[in-house]
């Protein structure tokens, strides 16, 4: 991902192990759900909190 989007250019959402690289290289990483492999993410939200968070940061 980094070859296409420099670190400062995207926010990533992920919920599973296959999202680890995407989340690690994002300026802001948001883990959705409770996957412990994503503990390094900047923010942890459940599905119901995503829209509220996006409205807050726009």
Protein backbone atom coordinates (compact mmCIF):
# COMPACT_ATOMS: atom_id res chain seq x y z
CA UNK A 1 0.00 0.00 0.00
CA UNK A 2 2.75 2.42 0.83
CA UNK A 3 3.94 2.48 -2.77
CA UNK A 4 0.55 3.89 -3.77
CA UNK A 5 -0.29 6.03 -0.76
CA UNK A 6 2.35 7.78 1.36
CA UNK A 7 1.80 7.36 5.10
CA UNK A 8 0.16 10.74 5.58
CA UNK A 9 -2.46 10.22 2.90
CA UNK A 10 -4.90 7.64 4.20
CA UNK A 11 -6.92 6.34 7.11
CA UNK A 12 -7.41 2.59 7.22
CA UNK A 13 -10.07 0.38 8.71
CA UNK A 14 -9.52 -3.31 9.36
CA UNK A 15 -11.06 -6.18 11.24
CA UNK A 16 -8.82 -9.16 10.58
CA UNK A 17 -5.24 -10.37 10.30
CA UNK A 18 -5.22 -9.76 6.56
CA UNK A 19 -5.49 -6.01 7.26
CA UNK A 20 -2.33 -5.74 9.37
CA UNK A 21 -0.06 -4.21 6.71
CA UNK A 22 -2.75 -1.78 5.60
CA UNK A 23 -3.27 -0.61 9.17
CA UNK A 24 0.43 -0.40 10.03
CA UNK A 25 1.20 2.01 7.19
CA UNK A 26 -1.76 4.34 7.59
CA UNK A 27 -1.56 7.74 9.21
CA UNK A 28 -4.54 6.69 11.33
CA UNK A 29 -5.43 3.03 11.80
CA UNK A 30 -8.85 1.99 13.04
CA UNK A 31 -9.50 -1.57 14.14
CA UNK A 32 -13.11 -2.66 13.86
CA UNK A 33 -14.18 -5.32 16.31
CA UNK A 34 -12.07 -7.10 18.88
CA UNK A 35 -9.34 -8.96 16.98
CA UNK A 36 -6.36 -9.02 19.36
CA UNK A 37 -3.92 -9.15 16.43
CA UNK A 38 -4.88 -5.52 15.76
CA UNK A 39 -4.03 -4.21 19.24
CA UNK A 40 -1.46 -1.84 17.70
CA UNK A 41 -4.17 0.16 15.89
CA UNK A 42 -4.61 3.79 16.90
CA UNK A 43 -8.34 3.44 17.56
CA UNK A 44 -10.65 0.50 18.26
CA UNK A 45 -14.32 0.79 17.34
CA UNK A 46 -17.26 -1.52 17.01
CA UNK A 47 -19.43 -1.45 13.90
CA UNK A 48 -21.96 0.91 15.48
CA UNK A 49 -19.34 3.52 16.39
CA UNK A 50 -17.81 3.98 12.92
CA UNK A 51 -20.30 6.49 11.50
CA UNK A 52 -20.22 8.61 14.66
CA UNK A 53 -16.42 8.69 14.56
CA UNK A 54 -16.30 9.63 10.86
CA UNK A 55 -18.74 12.48 11.43
CA UNK A 56 -16.55 13.72 14.27
CA UNK A 57 -13.34 13.86 12.22
CA UNK A 58 -14.68 15.29 8.95
